[in-house]
């Protein structure tokens, strides 16, 4: 599945409710999921890590949807041979 397909799937399932919630409150849900991912990464539970990665990706798609951002287009800067967008260490 391509990123755009997943983003559209999330849109079909949740976008109406997500737009009603708005960006600020949706962002808080996203941050909560990132926190849960941080906890999962510190554990030995691979299944939980996988679940939390999926949750973070789904909430990122939700934020992109209600912000009118196509994630696949946004990620294009990372798909070429050029290194623009990468910050030096």
N, C-alpha and C. Protein backbone atom coordinates (compact mmCIF):
# COMPACT_ATOMS: atom_id res chain seq x y z
N UNK A 1 0.85 -1.18 0.00
CA UNK A 1 0.00 0.00 0.00
C UNK A 1 0.90 1.24 0.00
N UNK A 2 0.55 2.20 -0.82
CA UNK A 2 1.28 3.46 -0.86
C UNK A 2 0.77 4.39 0.24
N UNK A 3 1.59 5.35 0.58
CA UNK A 3 1.22 6.31 1.63
C UNK A 3 -0.12 6.98 1.29
N UNK A 4 -0.27 7.40 0.04
CA UNK A 4 -1.50 8.09 -0.37
C UNK A 4 -2.73 7.21 -0.16
N UNK A 5 -2.59 5.92 -0.46
CA UNK A 5 -3.72 4.99 -0.28
C UNK A 5 -4.09 4.89 1.20
N UNK A 6 -3.08 4.79 2.06
CA UNK A 6 -3.36 4.70 3.49
C UNK A 6 -3.99 6.00 3.99
N UNK A 7 -3.48 7.13 3.52
CA UNK A 7 -4.03 8.41 3.94
C UNK A 7 -5.49 8.53 3.51
N UNK A 8 -5.81 8.08 2.32
CA UNK A 8 -7.20 8.12 1.85
C UNK A 8 -8.09 7.17 2.66
N UNK A 9 -7.57 6.01 3.02
CA UNK A 9 -8.32 5.07 3.85
C UNK A 9 -8.66 5.71 5.20
N UNK A 10 -7.68 6.36 5.81
CA UNK A 10 -7.91 7.05 7.09
C UNK A 10 -8.93 8.17 6.89
N UNK A 11 -8.84 8.86 5.76
CA UNK A 11 -9.80 9.93 5.47
C UNK A 11 -11.22 9.38 5.38
N UNK A 12 -11.40 8.31 4.63
CA UNK A 12 -12.75 7.74 4.47
C UNK A 12 -13.33 7.33 5.82
N UNK A 13 -12.50 6.78 6.68
CA UNK A 13 -13.01 6.29 7.96
C UNK A 13 -13.25 7.38 8.99
N UNK A 14 -12.37 8.39 9.03
CA UNK A 14 -12.36 9.28 10.19
C UNK A 14 -12.40 10.78 9.91
N UNK A 15 -12.26 11.21 8.65
CA UNK A 15 -12.02 12.64 8.42
C UNK A 15 -13.14 13.55 8.89
N UNK A 16 -14.38 13.15 8.71
CA UNK A 16 -15.49 14.03 9.13
C UNK A 16 -15.38 14.34 10.63
N UNK A 17 -15.21 13.32 11.42
CA UNK A 17 -15.08 13.50 12.87
C UNK A 17 -13.80 14.26 13.22
N UNK A 18 -12.72 13.96 12.50
CA UNK A 18 -11.44 14.61 12.78
C UNK A 18 -11.50 16.11 12.48
N UNK A 19 -12.15 16.48 11.38
CA UNK A 19 -12.28 17.92 11.06
C UNK A 19 -13.12 18.63 12.13
N UNK A 20 -14.13 17.96 12.65
CA UNK A 20 -14.94 18.56 13.71
C UNK A 20 -14.09 18.79 14.97
N UNK A 21 -13.19 17.86 15.25
CA UNK A 21 -12.32 17.99 16.43
C UNK A 21 -11.35 19.14 16.25
N UNK A 22 -10.85 19.32 15.03
CA UNK A 22 -9.93 20.41 14.73
C UNK A 22 -8.47 20.02 14.91
N UNK A 23 -7.62 20.84 14.34
CA UNK A 23 -6.18 20.56 14.35
C UNK A 23 -5.59 20.58 15.77
N UNK A 24 -5.86 21.60 16.59
CA UNK A 24 -5.20 21.62 17.91
C UNK A 24 -5.50 20.38 18.76
N UNK A 25 -6.76 19.98 18.83
CA UNK A 25 -7.11 18.81 19.65
C UNK A 25 -6.61 17.52 19.01
N UNK A 26 -6.64 17.46 17.68
CA UNK A 26 -6.12 16.27 16.99
C UNK A 26 -4.62 16.15 17.20
N UNK A 27 -3.93 17.28 17.18
CA UNK A 27 -2.48 17.25 17.43
C UNK A 27 -2.18 16.69 18.83
N UNK A 28 -3.01 17.03 19.81
CA UNK A 28 -2.81 16.49 21.15
C UNK A 28 -2.96 14.96 21.16
N UNK A 29 -3.93 14.44 20.40
CA UNK A 29 -4.08 12.98 20.28
C UNK A 29 -2.83 12.37 19.65
N UNK A 30 -2.31 13.04 18.61
CA UNK A 30 -1.10 12.57 17.94
C UNK A 30 0.07 12.52 18.92
N UNK A 31 0.25 13.58 19.68
CA UNK A 31 1.35 13.63 20.65
C UNK A 31 1.20 12.53 21.70
N UNK A 32 -0.03 12.27 22.12
CA UNK A 32 -0.27 11.18 23.07
C UNK A 32 0.18 9.85 22.48
N UNK A 33 -0.13 9.63 21.21
CA UNK A 33 0.29 8.39 20.55
C UNK A 33 1.81 8.30 20.43
N UNK A 34 2.46 9.43 20.16
CA UNK A 34 3.92 9.43 20.11
C UNK A 34 4.49 9.06 21.47
N UNK A 35 3.87 9.54 22.53
CA UNK A 35 4.29 9.16 23.88
C UNK A 35 4.12 7.68 24.13
N UNK A 36 3.01 7.12 23.66
CA UNK A 36 2.80 5.68 23.81
C UNK A 36 3.83 4.89 23.00
N UNK A 37 4.22 5.42 21.84
CA UNK A 37 5.27 4.78 21.05
C UNK A 37 6.60 4.83 21.80
N UNK A 38 6.89 5.94 22.43
CA UNK A 38 8.13 6.06 23.21
C UNK A 38 8.17 5.01 24.32
N UNK A 39 7.06 4.82 24.98
CA UNK A 39 6.98 3.80 26.03
C UNK A 39 7.15 2.41 25.44
N UNK A 40 6.51 2.16 24.31
CA UNK A 40 6.61 0.85 23.66
C UNK A 40 8.04 0.55 23.21
N UNK A 41 8.73 1.58 22.73
CA UNK A 41 10.11 1.38 22.28
C UNK A 41 11.04 1.00 23.44
N UNK A 42 10.67 1.41 24.63
CA UNK A 42 11.48 1.10 25.81
C UNK A 42 11.16 -0.29 26.37
N UNK A 43 10.15 -0.94 25.81
CA UNK A 43 9.75 -2.25 26.31
C UNK A 43 10.25 -3.35 25.39
N UNK A 44 10.02 -4.56 25.78
CA UNK A 44 10.39 -5.73 24.98
C UNK A 44 9.20 -6.28 24.19
N UNK A 45 8.07 -5.61 24.26
CA UNK A 45 6.84 -6.09 23.64
C UNK A 45 6.77 -5.66 22.17
N UNK A 46 7.20 -6.52 21.26
CA UNK A 46 7.24 -6.21 19.83
C UNK A 46 5.83 -5.93 19.27
N UNK A 47 4.85 -6.66 19.73
CA UNK A 47 3.48 -6.45 19.25
C UNK A 47 2.98 -5.06 19.61
N UNK A 48 3.28 -4.62 20.83
CA UNK A 48 2.86 -3.29 21.25
C UNK A 48 3.59 -2.22 20.45
N UNK A 49 4.89 -2.43 20.19
CA UNK A 49 5.64 -1.47 19.36
C UNK A 49 5.00 -1.34 17.98
N UNK A 50 4.67 -2.47 17.39
CA UNK A 50 4.06 -2.46 16.07
C UNK A 50 2.73 -1.71 16.10
N UNK A 51 1.93 -1.98 17.11
CA UNK A 51 0.64 -1.30 17.25
C UNK A 51 0.81 0.21 17.40
N UNK A 52 1.77 0.62 18.19
CA UNK A 52 1.98 2.06 18.42
C UNK A 52 2.54 2.75 17.19
N UNK A 53 3.41 2.08 16.42
CA UNK A 53 3.87 2.67 15.16
C UNK A 53 2.67 2.90 14.24
N UNK A 54 1.78 1.93 14.16
CA UNK A 54 0.59 2.06 13.31
C UNK A 54 -0.29 3.21 13.79
N UNK A 55 -0.46 3.34 15.09
CA UNK A 55 -1.28 4.42 15.64
C UNK A 55 -0.69 5.79 15.30
N UNK A 56 0.63 5.92 15.44
CA UNK A 56 1.29 7.19 15.13
C UNK A 56 1.11 7.53 13.65
N UNK A 57 1.28 6.54 12.78
CA UNK A 57 1.12 6.79 11.35
C UNK A 57 -0.33 7.19 11.03
N UNK A 58 -1.28 6.52 11.63
CA UNK A 58 -2.69 6.84 11.39
C UNK A 58 -3.01 8.26 11.85
N UNK A 59 -2.53 8.65 13.02
CA UNK A 59 -2.80 10.00 13.52
C UNK A 59 -2.05 11.05 12.71
N UNK A 60 -0.88 10.71 12.19
CA UNK A 60 -0.17 11.63 11.30
C UNK A 60 -0.98 11.85 10.02
N UNK A 61 -1.54 10.77 9.48
CA UNK A 61 -2.41 10.89 8.30
C UNK A 61 -3.63 11.74 8.62
N UNK A 62 -4.19 11.56 9.77
CA UNK A 62 -5.34 12.37 10.19
C UNK A 62 -4.99 13.84 10.21
N UNK A 63 -3.85 14.17 10.82
CA UNK A 63 -3.43 15.57 10.85
C UNK A 63 -3.20 16.11 9.45
N UNK A 64 -2.59 15.31 8.61
CA UNK A 64 -2.36 15.74 7.23
C UNK A 64 -3.69 15.96 6.51
N UNK A 65 -4.63 15.06 6.70
CA UNK A 65 -5.93 15.19 6.04
C UNK A 65 -6.63 16.49 6.42
N UNK A 66 -6.69 16.77 7.70
CA UNK A 66 -7.43 17.96 8.13
C UNK A 66 -6.62 19.24 7.94
N UNK A 67 -5.35 19.08 7.56
CA UNK A 67 -4.50 20.23 7.23
C UNK A 67 -4.32 20.37 5.71
N UNK A 68 -5.03 19.51 4.97
CA UNK A 68 -4.98 19.51 3.50
C UNK A 68 -3.55 19.33 2.97
N UNK A 69 -2.85 18.35 3.54
CA UNK A 69 -1.49 18.01 3.11
C UNK A 69 -1.50 16.59 2.56
N UNK A 70 -0.96 16.42 1.37
CA UNK A 70 -0.78 15.10 0.77
C UNK A 70 0.59 14.59 1.24
N UNK A 71 0.59 13.61 2.12
CA UNK A 71 1.84 13.12 2.70
C UNK A 71 2.78 12.53 1.66
N UNK A 72 2.23 11.86 0.67
CA UNK A 72 3.10 11.27 -0.36
C UNK A 72 3.85 12.37 -1.11
N UNK A 73 3.16 13.47 -1.43
CA UNK A 73 3.83 14.61 -2.06
C UNK A 73 4.84 15.24 -1.11
N UNK A 74 4.45 15.36 0.14
CA UNK A 74 5.34 15.98 1.13
C UNK A 74 6.62 15.17 1.32
N UNK A 75 6.52 13.86 1.19
CA UNK A 75 7.68 12.99 1.38
C UNK A 75 8.59 12.91 0.16
N UNK A 76 8.18 13.53 -0.93
CA UNK A 76 8.95 13.46 -2.17
C UNK A 76 10.37 13.98 -1.99
N UNK A 77 10.58 14.90 -1.07
CA UNK A 77 11.93 15.45 -0.89
C UNK A 77 12.90 14.38 -0.39
N UNK A 78 12.39 13.27 0.12
CA UNK A 78 13.25 12.20 0.62
C UNK A 78 13.42 11.05 -0.38
N UNK A 79 12.73 11.10 -1.51
CA UNK A 79 12.74 9.95 -2.40
C UNK A 79 13.76 10.04 -3.53
N UNK A 80 14.34 11.20 -3.74
CA UNK A 80 15.32 11.36 -4.80
C UNK A 80 16.74 11.13 -4.29
N UNK A 81 17.69 11.34 -5.18
CA UNK A 81 19.09 11.18 -4.81
C UNK A 81 19.67 12.40 -4.12
N UNK A 82 18.95 13.51 -4.21
CA UNK A 82 19.40 14.76 -3.60
C UNK A 82 19.25 14.66 -2.08
N UNK A 83 20.11 15.31 -1.35
CA UNK A 83 20.07 15.25 0.10
C UNK A 83 19.45 16.51 0.71
N UNK A 84 18.77 17.33 -0.09
CA UNK A 84 18.11 18.51 0.45
C UNK A 84 17.09 18.09 1.50
N UNK A 85 17.01 18.87 2.54
CA UNK A 85 16.05 18.57 3.59
C UNK A 85 16.66 17.82 4.75
N UNK A 86 17.83 17.25 4.54
CA UNK A 86 18.52 16.54 5.62
C UNK A 86 19.43 17.52 6.34
N UNK A 87 19.36 17.50 7.63
CA UNK A 87 20.19 18.39 8.43
C UNK A 87 21.50 17.69 8.78
N UNK A 88 22.63 18.39 8.66
CA UNK A 88 23.91 17.76 9.02
C UNK A 88 23.97 17.46 10.51
N UNK A 89 24.72 16.46 10.84
CA UNK A 89 24.87 16.10 12.26
C UNK A 89 25.79 17.06 12.95
